[in-house]
Amino acid sequence: MTDAALSLAMLTALALLAGAVFLWRKGERQRPALMAILAAVMITNVVIWSLPTTGGQTLTAAAAQP
């Protein structure tokens, strides 16, 4: 279940970045900047959940264990 959530977060971040580029080219400045910041936060969260801990296990795998 966590894998699906991480995948959706990455897809959403990519869509936000694409939308930000599109709006930036149309001349807007504030909304694309906020969209890019949100995408960066989402990507950072995915990286944090995917990086291995000192024991060699990811947080995603640790959360899946009972």
N, C-alpha and C. Protein backbone atom coordinates (compact mmCIF):
# COMPACT_ATOMS: atom_id res chain seq x y z
N MET A 1 0.82 -1.19 0.00
CA MET A 1 0.00 0.00 0.00
C MET A 1 0.87 1.27 0.00
N THR A 2 1.95 1.20 0.76
CA THR A 2 2.85 2.35 0.82
C THR A 2 3.52 2.60 -0.52
N ASP A 3 3.81 1.52 -1.24
CA ASP A 3 4.43 1.66 -2.56
C ASP A 3 3.52 2.43 -3.50
N ALA A 4 2.23 2.15 -3.43
CA ALA A 4 1.27 2.86 -4.28
C ALA A 4 1.21 4.35 -3.91
N ALA A 5 1.26 4.64 -2.62
CA ALA A 5 1.22 6.04 -2.17
C ALA A 5 2.47 6.79 -2.63
N LEU A 6 3.62 6.14 -2.55
CA LEU A 6 4.86 6.78 -3.01
C LEU A 6 4.85 6.99 -4.51
N SER A 7 4.30 6.02 -5.24
CA SER A 7 4.20 6.16 -6.70
C SER A 7 3.27 7.30 -7.08
N LEU A 8 2.14 7.39 -6.40
CA LEU A 8 1.20 8.49 -6.67
C LEU A 8 1.82 9.84 -6.32
N ALA A 9 2.59 9.89 -5.25
CA ALA A 9 3.25 11.14 -4.87
C ALA A 9 4.23 11.58 -5.94
N MET A 10 4.99 10.64 -6.50
CA MET A 10 5.93 10.99 -7.56
C MET A 10 5.20 11.44 -8.83
N LEU A 11 4.14 10.74 -9.19
CA LEU A 11 3.38 11.14 -10.38
C LEU A 11 2.77 12.52 -10.20
N THR A 12 2.27 12.79 -9.00
CA THR A 12 1.70 14.11 -8.71
C THR A 12 2.77 15.19 -8.76
N ALA A 13 3.94 14.89 -8.23
CA ALA A 13 5.04 15.87 -8.26
C ALA A 13 5.46 16.17 -9.70
N LEU A 14 5.52 15.15 -10.53
CA LEU A 14 5.86 15.37 -11.95
C LEU A 14 4.78 16.20 -12.65
N ALA A 15 3.52 15.93 -12.35
CA ALA A 15 2.44 16.72 -12.94
C ALA A 15 2.49 18.17 -12.45
N LEU A 16 2.81 18.37 -11.19
CA LEU A 16 2.95 19.73 -10.67
C LEU A 16 4.09 20.48 -11.35
N LEU A 17 5.20 19.80 -11.56
CA LEU A 17 6.32 20.44 -12.24
C LEU A 17 5.97 20.79 -13.69
N ALA A 18 5.28 19.88 -14.37
CA ALA A 18 4.87 20.17 -15.75
C ALA A 18 3.90 21.35 -15.80
N GLY A 19 2.97 21.38 -14.86
CA GLY A 19 2.04 22.51 -14.79
C GLY A 19 2.72 23.81 -14.46
N ALA A 20 3.73 23.75 -13.59
CA ALA A 20 4.47 24.95 -13.23
C ALA A 20 5.23 25.51 -14.43
N VAL A 21 5.85 24.62 -15.20
CA VAL A 21 6.57 25.07 -16.40
C VAL A 21 5.59 25.69 -17.39
N PHE A 22 4.44 25.06 -17.57
CA PHE A 22 3.43 25.58 -18.50
C PHE A 22 2.97 26.98 -18.07
N LEU A 23 2.65 27.14 -16.78
CA LEU A 23 2.19 28.45 -16.30
C LEU A 23 3.31 29.49 -16.33
N TRP A 24 4.54 29.06 -16.07
CA TRP A 24 5.68 29.99 -16.10
C TRP A 24 5.86 30.57 -17.50
N ARG A 25 5.69 29.71 -18.51
CA ARG A 25 5.84 30.17 -19.89
C ARG A 25 4.70 31.09 -20.30
N LYS A 26 3.55 30.97 -19.65
CA LYS A 26 2.43 31.86 -19.95
C LYS A 26 2.58 33.22 -19.29
N GLY A 27 3.57 33.37 -18.40
CA GLY A 27 3.84 34.68 -17.81
C GLY A 27 3.50 34.79 -16.34
N GLU A 28 2.91 33.77 -15.75
CA GLU A 28 2.60 33.83 -14.31
C GLU A 28 3.86 33.56 -13.51
N ARG A 29 3.90 34.05 -12.29
CA ARG A 29 5.10 33.87 -11.49
C ARG A 29 4.82 33.23 -10.12
N GLN A 30 3.75 33.63 -9.43
CA GLN A 30 3.54 33.17 -8.07
C GLN A 30 3.05 31.72 -8.03
N ARG A 31 2.02 31.39 -8.78
CA ARG A 31 1.49 30.02 -8.75
C ARG A 31 2.51 28.98 -9.20
N PRO A 32 3.25 29.21 -10.29
CA PRO A 32 4.26 28.20 -10.66
C PRO A 32 5.35 28.01 -9.60
N ALA A 33 5.73 29.08 -8.94
CA ALA A 33 6.74 28.96 -7.89
C ALA A 33 6.22 28.12 -6.74
N LEU A 34 4.97 28.34 -6.35
CA LEU A 34 4.38 27.55 -5.27
C LEU A 34 4.22 26.09 -5.69
N MET A 35 3.86 25.86 -6.94
CA MET A 35 3.72 24.49 -7.43
C MET A 35 5.07 23.78 -7.43
N ALA A 36 6.12 24.47 -7.80
CA ALA A 36 7.46 23.88 -7.81
C ALA A 36 7.93 23.58 -6.39
N ILE A 37 7.61 24.46 -5.44
CA ILE A 37 7.97 24.22 -4.04
C ILE A 37 7.24 22.99 -3.52
N LEU A 38 5.95 22.87 -3.82
CA LEU A 38 5.18 21.72 -3.38
C LEU A 38 5.74 20.43 -3.99
N ALA A 39 6.10 20.48 -5.25
CA ALA A 39 6.68 19.30 -5.90
C ALA A 39 8.01 18.91 -5.23
N ALA A 40 8.81 19.90 -4.88
CA ALA A 40 10.08 19.62 -4.21
C ALA A 40 9.85 18.98 -2.84
N VAL A 41 8.85 19.44 -2.12
CA VAL A 41 8.53 18.86 -0.81
C VAL A 41 8.07 17.42 -0.98
N MET A 42 7.23 17.16 -1.98
CA MET A 42 6.75 15.80 -2.21
C MET A 42 7.89 14.87 -2.60
N ILE A 43 8.77 15.32 -3.46
CA ILE A 43 9.91 14.50 -3.88
C ILE A 43 10.83 14.23 -2.69
N THR A 44 11.04 15.23 -1.84
CA THR A 44 11.86 15.05 -0.65
C THR A 44 11.26 14.00 0.28
N ASN A 45 9.94 14.03 0.45
CA ASN A 45 9.28 13.02 1.28
C ASN A 45 9.47 11.62 0.71
N VAL A 46 9.34 11.47 -0.59
CA VAL A 46 9.54 10.16 -1.22
C VAL A 46 10.98 9.68 -1.02
N VAL A 47 11.93 10.59 -1.15
CA VAL A 47 13.33 10.22 -0.95
C VAL A 47 13.57 9.79 0.49
N ILE A 48 13.00 10.51 1.44
CA ILE A 48 13.18 10.16 2.85
C ILE A 48 12.62 8.76 3.13
N TRP A 49 11.45 8.46 2.58
CA TRP A 49 10.84 7.16 2.81
C TRP A 49 11.56 6.04 2.07
N SER A 50 12.31 6.38 1.04
CA SER A 50 12.97 5.36 0.22
C SER A 50 14.42 5.10 0.59
N LEU A 51 15.07 6.02 1.27
CA LEU A 51 16.47 5.84 1.65
C LEU A 51 16.61 4.77 2.73
N PRO A 52 17.64 3.96 2.65
CA PRO A 52 17.83 2.94 3.69
C PRO A 52 18.32 3.56 5.00
N THR A 53 17.91 2.93 6.10
CA THR A 53 18.37 3.36 7.42
C THR A 53 19.73 2.74 7.69
N THR A 54 20.26 2.94 8.89
CA THR A 54 21.57 2.38 9.23
C THR A 54 21.54 0.86 9.24
N GLY A 55 20.38 0.28 9.45
CA GLY A 55 20.25 -1.17 9.44
C GLY A 55 20.08 -1.74 8.05
N GLY A 56 20.01 -0.89 7.03
CA GLY A 56 19.86 -1.34 5.66
C GLY A 56 18.44 -1.52 5.20
N GLN A 57 17.49 -1.14 6.05
CA GLN A 57 16.08 -1.29 5.71
C GLN A 57 15.48 0.09 5.44
N THR A 58 14.56 0.17 4.49
CA THR A 58 13.91 1.45 4.22
C THR A 58 12.78 1.67 5.21
N LEU A 59 12.35 2.92 5.33
CA LEU A 59 11.23 3.22 6.21
C LEU A 59 9.94 2.59 5.72
N THR A 60 9.83 2.45 4.41
CA THR A 60 8.65 1.81 3.83
C THR A 60 8.58 0.34 4.26
N ALA A 61 9.70 -0.34 4.21
CA ALA A 61 9.72 -1.75 4.63
C ALA A 61 9.51 -1.88 6.14
N ALA A 62 10.06 -0.95 6.90
CA ALA A 62 9.89 -0.99 8.35
C ALA A 62 8.44 -0.73 8.74
N ALA A 63 7.76 0.13 8.01
CA ALA A 63 6.36 0.42 8.31
C ALA A 63 5.46 -0.75 7.93
N ALA A 64 5.87 -1.57 6.98
CA ALA A 64 5.06 -2.70 6.54
C ALA A 64 5.13 -3.88 7.50
N GLN A 65 6.18 -3.94 8.32
CA GLN A 65 6.31 -5.05 9.25
C GLN A 65 5.36 -4.87 10.42
N PRO A 66 4.76 -5.98 10.89
CA PRO A 66 3.83 -5.88 12.05
C PRO A 66 4.51 -5.63 13.36
